Amino acid sequence: MNSATSDPLINHLRLLTEHLGHGLSETDLFRVFKSKPDAYAVEDAVSALEVAGYRADFGKARLLKLDPILFAVLAFDAEGSPIVVLDREDKDRFLVIDASTGSSELQILRRQDPRPSKARRVLRAARRRTIQRHRGIGSGLRSAI
């Protein structure tokens, strides 16, 4: 199986989930991608994130028109290369991580840069919220009624 550093999609998904507050390790991602050992498609990434407890979707979107509340996202440029876009700093700048070089350093890319300006597909993910019932307060109220 590939290592995360040799597979840009796996590496970028790991960084995206880390910034969403519940990071998936390389091992976690390989486990959910187990049926596709050689190559991973973006559609597989949506399924993998859902198995791992995220709500995820993938579709056409332009970063410049994306509502700021939806960041962080995984964007794909015209060639299909992924880049983690953490935030839009203002109308002209994006805070990104481009791990395709092996770095996880934050970068600021301007709107004119080809990576954000040519990104036409976006994978959005959010951690599923779970509601846990607590014993005591709720059960005490029910018994008192």
Protein backbone atom coordinates (compact mmCIF):
# COMPACT_ATOMS: atom_id res chain seq x y z
CA MET A 1 0.00 0.00 0.00
CA ASN A 2 1.16 3.55 -0.68
CA SER A 3 2.49 5.73 2.07
CA ALA A 4 0.62 8.92 2.79
CA THR A 5 3.54 11.03 1.61
CA SER A 6 3.38 9.41 -1.84
CA ASP A 7 -0.39 9.80 -2.20
CA PRO A 8 -1.42 13.46 -2.32
CA LEU A 9 -5.11 12.77 -1.65
CA ILE A 10 -4.40 10.73 1.50
CA ASN A 11 -1.90 13.30 2.76
CA HIS A 12 -4.24 16.24 2.17
CA LEU A 13 -7.20 14.41 3.76
CA ARG A 14 -5.07 13.78 6.85
CA LEU A 15 -4.26 17.49 7.08
CA LEU A 16 -7.87 18.54 6.43
CA THR A 17 -9.26 16.31 9.18
CA GLU A 18 -6.55 17.51 11.55
CA HIS A 19 -7.68 21.10 11.00
CA LEU A 20 -11.34 20.12 11.37
CA GLY A 21 -10.57 19.04 14.93
CA HIS A 22 -10.63 15.25 14.63
CA GLY A 23 -7.57 14.17 12.71
CA LEU A 24 -7.48 10.86 10.92
CA SER A 25 -4.10 9.19 10.86
CA GLU A 26 -2.48 7.65 7.82
CA THR A 27 -3.51 4.25 9.23
CA ASP A 28 -7.12 5.39 9.69
CA LEU A 29 -7.29 6.61 6.12
CA PHE A 30 -5.73 3.45 4.71
CA ARG A 31 -8.24 1.41 6.71
CA VAL A 32 -11.24 3.22 5.24
CA PHE A 33 -9.70 3.12 1.76
CA LYS A 34 -8.89 -0.60 2.07
CA SER A 35 -10.97 -1.61 -0.94
CA LYS A 36 -8.90 0.63 -3.22
CA PRO A 37 -5.26 -0.24 -2.51
CA ASP A 38 -3.63 1.33 -5.57
CA ALA A 39 -5.39 4.57 -6.46
CA TYR A 40 -7.88 6.75 -4.65
CA ALA A 41 -10.52 8.91 -6.28
CA VAL A 42 -12.16 11.94 -4.73
CA GLU A 43 -15.50 10.14 -4.70
CA ASP A 44 -13.83 7.43 -2.60
CA ALA A 45 -12.65 10.16 -0.21
CA VAL A 46 -16.25 11.25 0.45
CA SER A 47 -17.20 7.67 1.33
CA ALA A 48 -14.09 7.24 3.45
CA LEU A 49 -14.80 10.40 5.43
CA GLU A 50 -18.39 9.31 6.02
CA VAL A 51 -17.20 5.93 7.33
CA ALA A 52 -14.83 7.81 9.64
CA GLY A 53 -17.65 9.89 11.16
CA TYR A 54 -17.76 12.95 8.92
CA ARG A 55 -20.47 14.40 6.73
CA ALA A 56 -18.84 15.06 3.39
CA ASP A 57 -19.73 16.13 -0.11
CA PHE A 58 -17.90 16.91 -3.31
CA GLY A 59 -18.92 19.11 -6.18
CA LYS A 60 -18.30 22.10 -8.36
CA ALA A 61 -17.57 25.32 -6.54
CA ARG A 62 -15.31 28.31 -6.92
CA LEU A 63 -13.27 29.25 -3.88
CA LEU A 64 -13.90 32.93 -4.49
CA LYS A 65 -17.65 32.42 -4.19
CA LEU A 66 -17.59 29.95 -1.31
CA ASP A 67 -19.15 31.18 1.93
CA PRO A 68 -16.34 31.74 4.49
CA ILE A 69 -18.20 29.64 7.07
CA LEU A 70 -17.59 26.53 4.91
CA PHE A 71 -13.78 26.59 5.21
CA ALA A 72 -11.64 24.43 5.72
CA VAL A 73 -12.06 22.53 2.46
CA LEU A 74 -10.05 20.38 0.12
CA ALA A 75 -9.93 22.09 -3.28
CA PHE A 76 -8.80 20.60 -6.57
CA ASP A 77 -7.16 22.64 -9.30
CA ALA A 78 -7.72 22.16 -13.04
CA GLU A 79 -5.23 19.26 -13.09
CA GLY A 80 -6.94 17.55 -10.15
CA SER A 81 -4.20 18.29 -7.62
CA PRO A 82 -5.49 18.79 -4.06
CA ILE A 83 -4.78 21.69 -1.75
CA VAL A 84 -6.17 22.28 1.76
CA VAL A 85 -7.77 25.72 1.94
CA LEU A 86 -8.18 26.66 5.59
CA ASP A 87 -9.64 30.13 5.23
CA ARG A 88 -10.18 33.10 2.98
CA GLU A 89 -8.32 35.93 4.67
CA ASP A 90 -9.96 38.63 2.60
CA LYS A 91 -11.14 38.94 -0.99
CA ASP A 92 -7.64 38.45 -2.34
CA ARG A 93 -5.89 35.94 -0.05
CA PHE A 94 -6.33 32.32 1.00
CA LEU A 95 -4.64 30.48 3.88
CA VAL A 96 -3.61 27.10 2.48
CA ILE A 97 -1.51 24.01 2.99
CA ASP A 98 -0.09 22.41 -0.12
CA ALA A 99 1.31 19.11 1.11
CA SER A 100 2.18 17.84 -2.37
CA THR A 101 5.74 18.97 -1.71
CA GLY A 102 5.82 17.10 1.61
CA SER A 103 5.42 20.27 3.67
CA SER A 104 2.59 21.02 6.06
CA GLU A 105 3.56 24.68 6.38
CA LEU A 106 0.83 27.32 6.17
CA GLN A 107 1.02 29.52 3.10
CA ILE A 108 -0.88 32.54 1.92
CA LEU A 109 -1.84 32.44 -1.73
CA ARG A 110 -3.21 35.40 -3.57
CA ARG A 111 -6.38 35.22 -5.59
CA GLN A 112 -4.36 35.47 -8.81
CA ASP A 113 -2.30 32.38 -7.96
CA PRO A 114 -3.27 29.53 -10.30
CA ARG A 115 -4.03 27.05 -7.48
CA PRO A 116 -6.96 28.91 -5.87
CA SER A 117 -8.05 30.80 -8.98
CA LYS A 118 -8.38 27.62 -11.08
CA ALA A 119 -9.89 25.44 -8.36
CA ARG A 120 -13.29 24.32 -9.61
CA ARG A 121 -14.08 21.33 -7.39
CA VAL A 122 -14.28 21.28 -3.61
CA LEU A 123 -14.61 18.55 -1.01
CA ARG A 124 -16.33 19.81 2.14
CA ALA A 125 -16.36 17.86 5.37
CA ALA A 126 -17.66 18.40 8.88
CA ARG A 127 -17.59 16.19 11.93
CA ARG A 128 -20.97 14.59 12.59
CA ARG A 129 -22.49 15.80 15.82
CA THR A 130 -23.73 13.18 18.20
CA ILE A 131 -26.25 13.81 20.94
CA GLN A 132 -25.53 11.92 24.10
CA ARG A 133 -28.18 11.49 26.74
CA HIS A 134 -26.95 12.07 30.23
CA ARG A 135 -28.45 10.14 33.09
CA GLY A 136 -29.53 12.11 36.08
CA ILE A 137 -30.88 15.44 34.89
CA GLY A 138 -33.17 14.19 32.09
CA SER A 139 -34.24 11.00 33.85
CA GLY A 140 -34.90 12.89 37.10
CA LEU A 141 -37.16 15.37 35.33
CA ARG A 142 -39.14 12.61 33.67
CA SER A 143 -39.67 10.78 36.93
CA ALA A 144 -40.78 13.99 38.66
CA ILE A 145 -43.50 14.69 36.10
